[in-house]
């Protein structure tokens, strides 16, 4: 933010990060995560990262709240059968 924050603000494109609850954030809006994939794990599977990082990717992922831990992923969402969002 110190280096590029002002440029992003001028362009009306501020950096935004995901909510603490992760993909579960969308459940209150009528969506639920059907599949969640870590970009890091997928890159290791496709052998797109160095060997030592692939070894690190073998470690299990936490399924709980991630807090301030960096994580990048792709979520496939489906409309919840519960109906309208709250």
N, C-alpha and C. Protein backbone atom coordinates (compact mmCIF):
# COMPACT_ATOMS: atom_id res chain seq x y z
N UNK A 1 0.83 -1.19 0.00
CA UNK A 1 0.00 0.00 0.00
C UNK A 1 0.87 1.26 0.00
N UNK A 2 2.03 1.17 0.69
CA UNK A 2 2.89 2.36 0.72
C UNK A 2 3.41 2.69 -0.66
N UNK A 3 3.67 1.69 -1.48
CA UNK A 3 4.26 1.94 -2.79
C UNK A 3 3.22 2.27 -3.86
N UNK A 4 2.12 1.55 -3.88
CA UNK A 4 1.16 1.75 -4.98
C UNK A 4 -0.22 2.17 -4.52
N UNK A 5 -0.42 2.31 -3.22
CA UNK A 5 -1.75 2.64 -2.71
C UNK A 5 -2.35 3.90 -3.30
N UNK A 6 -1.55 4.96 -3.41
CA UNK A 6 -2.08 6.22 -3.94
C UNK A 6 -2.46 6.07 -5.41
N UNK A 7 -1.68 5.31 -6.18
CA UNK A 7 -2.00 5.10 -7.60
C UNK A 7 -3.30 4.32 -7.76
N UNK A 8 -3.48 3.30 -6.92
CA UNK A 8 -4.72 2.52 -6.98
C UNK A 8 -5.93 3.36 -6.58
N UNK A 9 -5.77 4.19 -5.58
CA UNK A 9 -6.87 5.06 -5.16
C UNK A 9 -7.23 6.06 -6.25
N UNK A 10 -6.23 6.61 -6.91
CA UNK A 10 -6.49 7.55 -8.02
C UNK A 10 -7.25 6.86 -9.15
N UNK A 11 -6.96 5.60 -9.38
CA UNK A 11 -7.62 4.84 -10.44
C UNK A 11 -8.97 4.26 -9.98
N UNK A 12 -9.36 4.57 -8.73
CA UNK A 12 -10.60 4.04 -8.15
C UNK A 12 -10.60 2.51 -8.17
N UNK A 13 -9.43 1.91 -7.87
CA UNK A 13 -9.28 0.46 -7.83
C UNK A 13 -8.51 0.05 -6.58
N UNK A 14 -9.10 0.29 -5.40
CA UNK A 14 -8.37 -0.03 -4.16
C UNK A 14 -8.20 -1.54 -3.99
N UNK A 15 -7.13 -1.93 -3.29
CA UNK A 15 -6.93 -3.34 -2.96
C UNK A 15 -8.01 -3.75 -1.96
N UNK A 16 -8.65 -4.86 -2.23
CA UNK A 16 -9.66 -5.37 -1.32
C UNK A 16 -9.36 -6.83 -1.05
N UNK A 17 -9.55 -7.23 0.18
CA UNK A 17 -9.26 -8.60 0.58
C UNK A 17 -10.54 -9.28 1.01
N UNK A 18 -10.51 -10.59 0.98
CA UNK A 18 -11.71 -11.35 1.29
C UNK A 18 -12.11 -11.23 2.75
N UNK A 19 -13.35 -11.50 3.05
CA UNK A 19 -13.80 -11.46 4.45
C UNK A 19 -13.17 -12.59 5.25
N UNK A 20 -13.12 -12.42 6.56
CA UNK A 20 -12.48 -13.40 7.43
C UNK A 20 -13.12 -14.79 7.35
N UNK A 21 -14.43 -14.85 7.09
CA UNK A 21 -15.09 -16.15 7.06
C UNK A 21 -14.87 -16.91 5.76
N UNK A 22 -14.13 -16.33 4.82
CA UNK A 22 -13.82 -17.02 3.57
C UNK A 22 -15.05 -17.25 2.72
N UNK A 23 -15.09 -18.38 1.98
CA UNK A 23 -16.24 -18.65 1.11
C UNK A 23 -17.57 -18.72 1.85
N UNK A 24 -17.54 -19.02 3.14
CA UNK A 24 -18.76 -19.07 3.93
C UNK A 24 -19.48 -17.74 4.01
N UNK A 25 -18.79 -16.66 3.69
CA UNK A 25 -19.38 -15.31 3.68
C UNK A 25 -20.62 -15.27 2.78
N UNK A 26 -20.60 -16.01 1.69
CA UNK A 26 -21.67 -15.92 0.70
C UNK A 26 -22.93 -16.69 1.09
N UNK A 27 -22.86 -17.54 2.12
CA UNK A 27 -24.04 -18.32 2.49
C UNK A 27 -25.19 -17.43 2.94
N UNK A 28 -24.89 -16.34 3.60
CA UNK A 28 -25.98 -15.44 4.03
C UNK A 28 -26.60 -14.67 2.86
N UNK A 29 -25.97 -14.76 1.70
CA UNK A 29 -26.50 -14.10 0.50
C UNK A 29 -27.15 -15.10 -0.45
N UNK A 30 -27.37 -16.32 0.02
CA UNK A 30 -28.08 -17.31 -0.78
C UNK A 30 -27.19 -18.22 -1.62
N UNK A 31 -25.89 -18.23 -1.39
CA UNK A 31 -24.97 -19.06 -2.14
C UNK A 31 -24.19 -19.95 -1.19
N UNK A 32 -23.80 -21.13 -1.66
CA UNK A 32 -22.95 -21.98 -0.84
C UNK A 32 -21.80 -22.49 -1.71
N UNK A 33 -20.62 -22.70 -1.10
CA UNK A 33 -19.48 -23.20 -1.87
C UNK A 33 -19.68 -24.67 -2.25
N UNK A 34 -19.69 -24.96 -3.55
CA UNK A 34 -19.80 -26.34 -4.02
C UNK A 34 -18.42 -26.98 -4.08
N UNK A 35 -17.40 -26.18 -4.42
CA UNK A 35 -16.02 -26.67 -4.48
C UNK A 35 -15.09 -25.50 -4.21
N UNK A 36 -14.05 -25.75 -3.43
CA UNK A 36 -13.06 -24.73 -3.11
C UNK A 36 -11.69 -25.35 -3.37
N UNK A 37 -10.89 -24.70 -4.22
CA UNK A 37 -9.57 -25.22 -4.59
C UNK A 37 -8.50 -24.19 -4.33
N UNK A 38 -7.43 -24.61 -3.67
CA UNK A 38 -6.28 -23.77 -3.43
C UNK A 38 -5.46 -23.63 -4.71
N UNK A 39 -5.11 -22.41 -5.07
CA UNK A 39 -4.29 -22.19 -6.25
C UNK A 39 -2.91 -22.81 -6.04
N UNK A 40 -2.38 -22.71 -4.83
CA UNK A 40 -1.07 -23.28 -4.51
C UNK A 40 -1.07 -24.80 -4.70
N UNK A 41 -2.10 -25.47 -4.16
CA UNK A 41 -2.19 -26.93 -4.30
C UNK A 41 -2.37 -27.34 -5.77
N UNK A 42 -3.16 -26.58 -6.50
CA UNK A 42 -3.39 -26.90 -7.91
C UNK A 42 -2.11 -26.70 -8.72
N UNK A 43 -1.37 -25.64 -8.43
CA UNK A 43 -0.10 -25.39 -9.13
C UNK A 43 0.89 -26.52 -8.85
N UNK A 44 0.91 -27.02 -7.62
CA UNK A 44 1.79 -28.14 -7.28
C UNK A 44 1.36 -29.40 -8.04
N UNK A 45 0.07 -29.64 -8.11
CA UNK A 45 -0.44 -30.81 -8.82
C UNK A 45 -0.08 -30.77 -10.30
N UNK A 46 -0.11 -29.59 -10.89
CA UNK A 46 0.20 -29.42 -12.31
C UNK A 46 1.70 -29.22 -12.56
N UNK A 47 2.50 -29.30 -11.47
CA UNK A 47 3.96 -29.14 -11.53
C UNK A 47 4.35 -27.79 -12.13
N UNK A 48 3.64 -26.74 -11.68
CA UNK A 48 3.91 -25.38 -12.17
C UNK A 48 4.71 -24.56 -11.15
N UNK A 49 5.13 -25.18 -10.06
CA UNK A 49 5.95 -24.50 -9.06
C UNK A 49 7.20 -25.34 -8.80
N UNK A 50 8.25 -24.74 -8.25
CA UNK A 50 9.49 -25.49 -7.99
C UNK A 50 9.27 -26.70 -7.08
N UNK A 51 10.17 -27.67 -7.21
CA UNK A 51 10.06 -28.94 -6.49
C UNK A 51 9.90 -28.75 -4.99
N UNK A 52 10.71 -27.91 -4.37
CA UNK A 52 10.62 -27.73 -2.91
C UNK A 52 9.26 -27.17 -2.50
N UNK A 53 8.69 -26.32 -3.32
CA UNK A 53 7.35 -25.79 -3.01
C UNK A 53 6.30 -26.88 -3.17
N UNK A 54 6.52 -27.81 -4.11
CA UNK A 54 5.60 -28.93 -4.27
C UNK A 54 5.58 -29.81 -3.03
N UNK A 55 6.76 -29.94 -2.41
CA UNK A 55 6.82 -30.71 -1.16
C UNK A 55 6.00 -30.01 -0.08
N UNK A 56 6.10 -28.69 0.00
CA UNK A 56 5.32 -27.93 0.99
C UNK A 56 3.83 -28.05 0.71
N UNK A 57 3.46 -28.19 -0.54
CA UNK A 57 2.05 -28.31 -0.90
C UNK A 57 1.44 -29.64 -0.44
N UNK A 58 2.28 -30.60 -0.08
CA UNK A 58 1.78 -31.88 0.42
C UNK A 58 1.22 -31.77 1.84
N UNK A 59 1.58 -30.70 2.54
CA UNK A 59 1.07 -30.50 3.89
C UNK A 59 -0.44 -30.25 3.83
N UNK A 60 -1.18 -30.72 4.82
CA UNK A 60 -2.64 -30.52 4.80
C UNK A 60 -3.00 -29.05 5.00
N UNK A 61 -4.12 -28.67 4.42
CA UNK A 61 -4.63 -27.31 4.58
C UNK A 61 -5.57 -27.24 5.76
N UNK A 62 -5.60 -26.11 6.41
CA UNK A 62 -6.55 -25.88 7.49
C UNK A 62 -7.93 -25.65 6.87
N UNK A 63 -8.94 -26.26 7.45
CA UNK A 63 -10.30 -26.08 6.95
C UNK A 63 -11.05 -25.00 7.72
N UNK A 64 -10.45 -24.50 8.79
CA UNK A 64 -11.11 -23.49 9.59
C UNK A 64 -10.82 -22.09 9.09
N UNK A 65 -11.06 -21.11 9.94
CA UNK A 65 -10.79 -19.72 9.59
C UNK A 65 -9.30 -19.53 9.38
N UNK A 66 -8.95 -18.76 8.39
CA UNK A 66 -7.55 -18.58 8.04
C UNK A 66 -6.92 -17.37 8.73
N UNK A 67 -7.72 -16.48 9.26
CA UNK A 67 -7.18 -15.31 9.94
C UNK A 67 -6.35 -14.46 8.99
N UNK A 68 -5.13 -14.13 9.39
CA UNK A 68 -4.29 -13.28 8.54
C UNK A 68 -3.38 -14.09 7.63
N UNK A 69 -3.56 -15.40 7.61
CA UNK A 69 -2.74 -16.25 6.75
C UNK A 69 -3.09 -16.02 5.29
N UNK A 70 -2.08 -15.77 4.44
CA UNK A 70 -2.39 -15.57 3.02
C UNK A 70 -2.88 -16.86 2.37
N UNK A 71 -3.88 -16.75 1.54
CA UNK A 71 -4.43 -17.89 0.83
C UNK A 71 -5.07 -17.39 -0.45
N UNK A 72 -4.90 -18.12 -1.51
CA UNK A 72 -5.54 -17.80 -2.78
C UNK A 72 -6.24 -19.03 -3.30
N UNK A 73 -7.43 -18.86 -3.80
CA UNK A 73 -8.14 -20.01 -4.29
C UNK A 73 -9.25 -19.65 -5.24
N UNK A 74 -9.89 -20.68 -5.73
CA UNK A 74 -11.01 -20.54 -6.64
C UNK A 74 -12.19 -21.26 -6.02
N UNK A 75 -13.33 -20.59 -5.99
CA UNK A 75 -14.53 -21.17 -5.40
C UNK A 75 -15.62 -21.32 -6.46
N UNK A 76 -16.19 -22.50 -6.53
CA UNK A 76 -17.36 -22.73 -7.37
C UNK A 76 -18.56 -22.64 -6.44
N UNK A 77 -19.44 -21.68 -6.72
CA UNK A 77 -20.58 -21.44 -5.85
C UNK A 77 -21.85 -21.95 -6.52
N UNK A 78 -22.81 -22.40 -5.70
CA UNK A 78 -24.11 -22.78 -6.23
C UNK A 78 -25.19 -22.12 -5.40
N UNK A 79 -26.31 -21.87 -6.03
CA UNK A 79 -27.42 -21.23 -5.35
C UNK A 79 -27.93 -22.14 -4.26
N UNK A 80 -28.08 -21.59 -3.08
CA UNK A 80 -28.56 -22.37 -1.95
C UNK A 80 -30.02 -22.72 -2.15
N UNK A 81 -30.40 -23.92 -1.76
CA UNK A 81 -31.80 -24.33 -1.90
C UNK A 81 -32.69 -23.69 -0.84
N UNK A 82 -32.07 -22.99 0.10
CA UNK A 82 -32.83 -22.35 1.19
C UNK A 82 -33.73 -21.23 0.67
N UNK A 83 -33.41 -20.70 -0.51
CA UNK A 83 -34.27 -19.65 -1.07
C UNK A 83 -33.62 -18.30 -1.07
N UNK A 84 -34.40 -17.30 -0.74
CA UNK A 84 -33.96 -15.91 -0.88
C UNK A 84 -32.89 -15.56 0.15
N UNK A 85 -31.97 -14.65 -0.24
CA UNK A 85 -30.94 -14.21 0.69
C UNK A 85 -31.54 -13.39 1.81
N UNK A 86 -30.84 -13.34 2.94
CA UNK A 86 -31.31 -12.56 4.08
C UNK A 86 -30.77 -11.16 4.06
